[in-house]
Amino acid sequence: MRVRLFLLSALILSVASSATFSQDPGGGLVVLKFSWDKERIRPRPSLSPMASQDELIQQSERERQLAAARNASDRGKAGRLETQIINHDAAKMKAAQTPPPDDAYRYKVTLRNESTKTIKSIDWDYLFIDPMTGSEVARHQFTSDESIKTGKSKEVSVLYLIPPVKTVSAGMLSKKDPMPFTEQVVIASIQYSDGSSWQRP
């Protein structure tokens, strides 16, 4: 299943890998370089829901009781009501808090269009290969709707929640312990602006 390009507000934590790769220009599109970065997603703050009519009535009643207890100098009852109001407000604030940030991964590739046509969309795969066996360990498939004119280069990126290789520990996804796999980007298919297309054999 290919993943469409999507945008999220994110804070880059560290660059995990980068590479260059020159392949036979299938469809006239050349891969100049590629890399992936680990990013921290900052979810948008939750919107506090509108209070229901019943909740507003209960809140008004608690405030009325608190005012009556204070007027009657009933410190015990006033203290209990104040605690209830504080706990209720704290629970509402906690429920409306933004979820903790998540890790995501941005896969990037720089492409040059050497064909005679303007490119409209690209299907591209980011591969991780075991250098010892030559077997494919992971393949991430993306579709990017990007216009690239003849003779022009462009960087394309996709933010993806799935890590490069699921079987690798988190400690290996850093500069101190580099990714132990060979990386490669393959252009799977191209859609041109004139309606024609190219498909990798």
Protein backbone atom coordinates (compact mmCIF):
# COMPACT_ATOMS: atom_id res chain seq x y z
CA MET A 1 0.00 0.00 0.00
CA ARG A 2 1.52 3.28 -1.06
CA VAL A 3 1.51 6.25 1.24
CA ARG A 4 0.48 9.71 0.07
CA LEU A 5 2.58 12.71 1.01
CA PHE A 6 1.27 14.41 4.15
CA LEU A 7 2.40 17.31 6.31
CA LEU A 8 2.74 17.38 10.09
CA SER A 9 4.19 19.90 12.50
CA ALA A 10 7.43 18.24 13.58
CA LEU A 11 10.74 18.85 15.35
CA ILE A 12 13.75 17.09 13.82
CA LEU A 13 15.64 15.15 16.47
CA SER A 14 18.52 13.66 14.50
CA VAL A 15 19.63 12.70 11.02
CA ALA A 16 19.77 8.93 10.98
CA SER A 17 21.08 8.16 7.53
CA SER A 18 22.00 9.64 4.20
CA ALA A 19 23.28 8.27 0.92
CA THR A 20 23.80 8.97 -2.72
CA PHE A 21 22.83 6.67 -5.50
CA SER A 22 23.07 7.02 -9.26
CA GLN A 23 20.80 4.65 -11.13
CA ASP A 24 19.93 4.10 -14.76
CA PRO A 25 17.48 6.96 -15.43
CA GLY A 26 14.31 4.96 -15.78
CA GLY A 27 11.72 7.13 -17.46
CA GLY A 28 14.29 9.91 -17.60
CA LEU A 29 14.29 10.41 -13.82
CA VAL A 30 17.64 10.24 -12.01
CA VAL A 31 18.05 9.72 -8.25
CA LEU A 32 20.74 12.16 -7.08
CA LYS A 33 20.69 11.50 -3.33
CA PHE A 34 18.42 10.23 -0.58
CA SER A 35 18.24 10.00 3.21
CA TRP A 36 15.89 9.51 6.13
CA ASP A 37 15.57 11.54 9.33
CA LYS A 38 14.02 10.76 12.68
CA GLU A 39 11.54 13.42 13.75
CA ARG A 40 9.44 14.16 16.81
CA ILE A 41 5.81 14.86 16.00
CA ARG A 42 4.15 17.55 18.07
CA PRO A 43 0.39 16.85 18.05
CA ARG A 44 -1.92 19.83 17.97
CA PRO A 45 -3.38 20.81 21.36
CA SER A 46 -6.73 19.21 22.01
CA LEU A 47 -9.71 21.49 21.70
CA SER A 48 -11.71 21.68 24.91
CA PRO A 49 -15.21 20.39 24.23
CA MET A 50 -18.18 22.64 24.90
CA ALA A 51 -19.58 22.08 28.36
CA SER A 52 -22.95 20.36 28.37
CA GLN A 53 -26.03 21.96 29.90
CA ASP A 54 -25.99 19.46 32.78
CA GLU A 55 -22.33 20.21 33.50
CA LEU A 56 -23.01 23.94 33.57
CA ILE A 57 -25.90 23.39 35.99
CA GLN A 58 -23.70 21.23 38.26
CA GLN A 59 -20.91 23.78 38.20
CA SER A 60 -23.33 26.59 39.06
CA GLU A 61 -24.78 24.52 41.93
CA ARG A 62 -21.32 23.79 43.37
CA GLU A 63 -20.45 27.49 43.27
CA ARG A 64 -23.80 28.37 44.91
CA GLN A 65 -23.23 25.85 47.70
CA LEU A 66 -19.70 27.13 48.23
CA ALA A 67 -20.92 30.72 48.52
CA ALA A 68 -23.65 29.64 51.00
CA ALA A 69 -21.14 27.70 53.12
CA ARG A 70 -18.82 30.71 53.25
CA ASN A 71 -21.69 33.03 54.22
CA ALA A 72 -22.66 30.61 57.01
CA SER A 73 -19.04 30.43 58.15
CA ASP A 74 -19.13 26.63 57.67
CA ARG A 75 -15.42 26.18 57.03
CA GLY A 76 -15.59 22.37 56.85
CA LYS A 77 -18.24 22.31 54.15
CA ALA A 78 -16.63 25.20 52.28
CA GLY A 79 -13.28 23.37 52.29
CA ARG A 80 -14.82 20.16 50.93
CA LEU A 81 -16.64 22.07 48.17
CA GLU A 82 -13.46 23.95 47.23
CA THR A 83 -11.58 20.64 46.97
CA GLN A 84 -14.31 19.17 44.76
CA ILE A 85 -14.21 22.19 42.45
CA ILE A 86 -10.39 22.11 42.23
CA ASN A 87 -10.34 18.35 41.51
CA HIS A 88 -13.07 18.73 38.87
CA ASP A 89 -11.20 21.55 37.12
CA ALA A 90 -7.93 19.57 37.24
CA ALA A 91 -9.62 16.53 35.68
CA LYS A 92 -11.03 18.70 32.87
CA MET A 93 -7.60 20.18 32.17
CA LYS A 94 -5.95 16.75 32.11
CA ALA A 95 -8.55 15.43 29.70
CA ALA A 96 -7.89 18.34 27.34
CA GLN A 97 -4.10 18.00 27.40
CA THR A 98 -2.17 17.39 24.20
CA PRO A 99 -1.06 13.76 23.76
CA PRO A 100 2.67 13.13 24.21
CA PRO A 101 4.81 13.49 21.07
CA ASP A 102 5.51 10.50 18.85
CA ASP A 103 8.49 9.54 16.73
CA ALA A 104 8.16 9.61 12.97
CA TYR A 105 10.54 9.19 10.06
CA ARG A 106 11.00 11.50 7.08
CA TYR A 107 12.19 9.79 3.92
CA LYS A 108 13.73 12.13 1.33
CA VAL A 109 14.98 11.79 -2.22
CA THR A 110 16.42 14.37 -4.63
CA LEU A 111 15.47 13.74 -8.26
CA ARG A 112 16.47 15.22 -11.60
CA ASN A 113 14.17 15.07 -14.61
CA GLU A 114 16.25 14.27 -17.70
CA SER A 115 13.25 13.40 -19.86
CA THR A 116 11.59 15.70 -22.40
CA LYS A 117 8.33 15.76 -20.42
CA THR A 118 7.18 17.45 -17.23
CA ILE A 119 6.68 14.93 -14.43
CA LYS A 120 3.39 15.02 -12.54
CA SER A 121 3.63 12.15 -10.03
CA ILE A 122 6.20 9.57 -8.91
CA ASP A 123 5.91 6.18 -7.23
CA TRP A 124 9.17 5.48 -5.42
CA ASP A 125 10.43 2.82 -3.05
CA TYR A 126 12.97 3.20 -0.22
CA LEU A 127 14.77 -0.11 0.29
CA PHE A 128 16.94 -1.51 3.07
CA ILE A 129 19.14 -4.43 2.03
CA ASP A 130 21.23 -6.82 4.12
CA PRO A 131 24.79 -6.32 2.78
CA MET A 132 25.82 -9.83 3.84
CA THR A 133 23.05 -11.74 2.08
CA GLY A 134 21.82 -9.19 -0.46
CA SER A 135 18.26 -9.87 0.67
CA GLU A 136 15.68 -7.11 1.05
CA VAL A 137 15.00 -6.36 4.73
CA ALA A 138 12.40 -3.60 4.32
CA ARG A 139 10.70 -1.69 1.53
CA HIS A 140 8.70 1.51 2.03
CA GLN A 141 6.52 2.50 -0.94
CA PHE A 142 5.49 6.10 -1.51
CA THR A 143 3.56 8.14 -4.05
CA SER A 144 4.46 11.82 -4.36
CA ASP A 145 2.44 14.22 -6.49
CA GLU A 146 5.29 16.51 -7.49
CA SER A 147 5.75 18.57 -10.64
CA ILE A 148 9.32 18.42 -11.99
CA LYS A 149 10.04 20.22 -15.24
CA THR A 150 12.54 19.04 -17.83
CA GLY A 151 16.13 19.55 -16.70
CA LYS A 152 15.10 20.50 -13.16
CA SER A 153 15.90 18.85 -9.82
CA LYS A 154 13.68 18.60 -6.77
CA GLU A 155 13.76 17.14 -3.28
CA VAL A 156 10.71 15.05 -2.40
CA SER A 157 9.94 13.93 1.16
CA VAL A 158 7.35 11.86 3.01
CA LEU A 159 6.73 11.76 6.76
CA TYR A 160 5.98 8.18 7.79
CA LEU A 161 5.22 6.62 11.20
CA ILE A 162 6.87 3.28 10.42
CA PRO A 163 10.61 3.02 11.26
CA PRO A 164 13.12 2.12 8.55
CA VAL A 165 13.54 -1.46 9.76
CA LYS A 166 11.26 -2.88 12.44
CA THR A 167 13.72 -5.54 13.60
CA VAL A 168 16.43 -3.00 14.47
CA SER A 169 16.63 -1.71 18.03
CA ALA A 170 16.04 1.97 18.72
CA GLY A 171 19.68 2.36 19.75
CA MET A 172 20.80 1.42 16.26
CA LEU A 173 18.87 4.31 14.71
CA SER A 174 21.51 6.91 15.53
CA LYS A 175 24.80 8.27 14.27
CA LYS A 176 26.70 6.50 17.05
CA ASP A 177 25.48 3.12 15.82
CA PRO A 178 24.72 3.53 12.10
CA MET A 179 22.15 1.54 10.20
CA PRO A 180 23.75 -1.82 9.32
CA PHE A 181 21.91 -2.09 6.00
CA THR A 182 22.54 -0.85 2.49
CA GLU A 183 19.96 1.70 1.36
CA GLN A 184 18.55 2.24 -2.10
CA VAL A 185 15.80 4.25 -3.78
CA VAL A 186 14.03 2.79 -6.80
CA ILE A 187 11.63 4.66 -9.07
CA ALA A 188 8.65 2.35 -9.61
CA SER A 189 6.56 4.46 -11.98
CA ILE A 190 6.15 7.98 -13.32
CA GLN A 191 3.11 9.93 -14.47
CA TYR A 192 3.77 12.78 -16.91
CA SER A 193 1.73 15.95 -17.32
CA ASP A 194 0.76 15.01 -20.90
CA GLY A 195 -1.10 11.93 -19.61
CA SER A 196 1.59 9.37 -20.53
CA SER A 197 3.36 7.18 -18.01
CA TRP A 198 6.42 5.01 -17.41
CA GLN A 199 6.48 1.77 -15.40
CA ARG A 200 9.56 -0.08 -14.21
CA PRO A 201 9.71 -3.48 -15.95
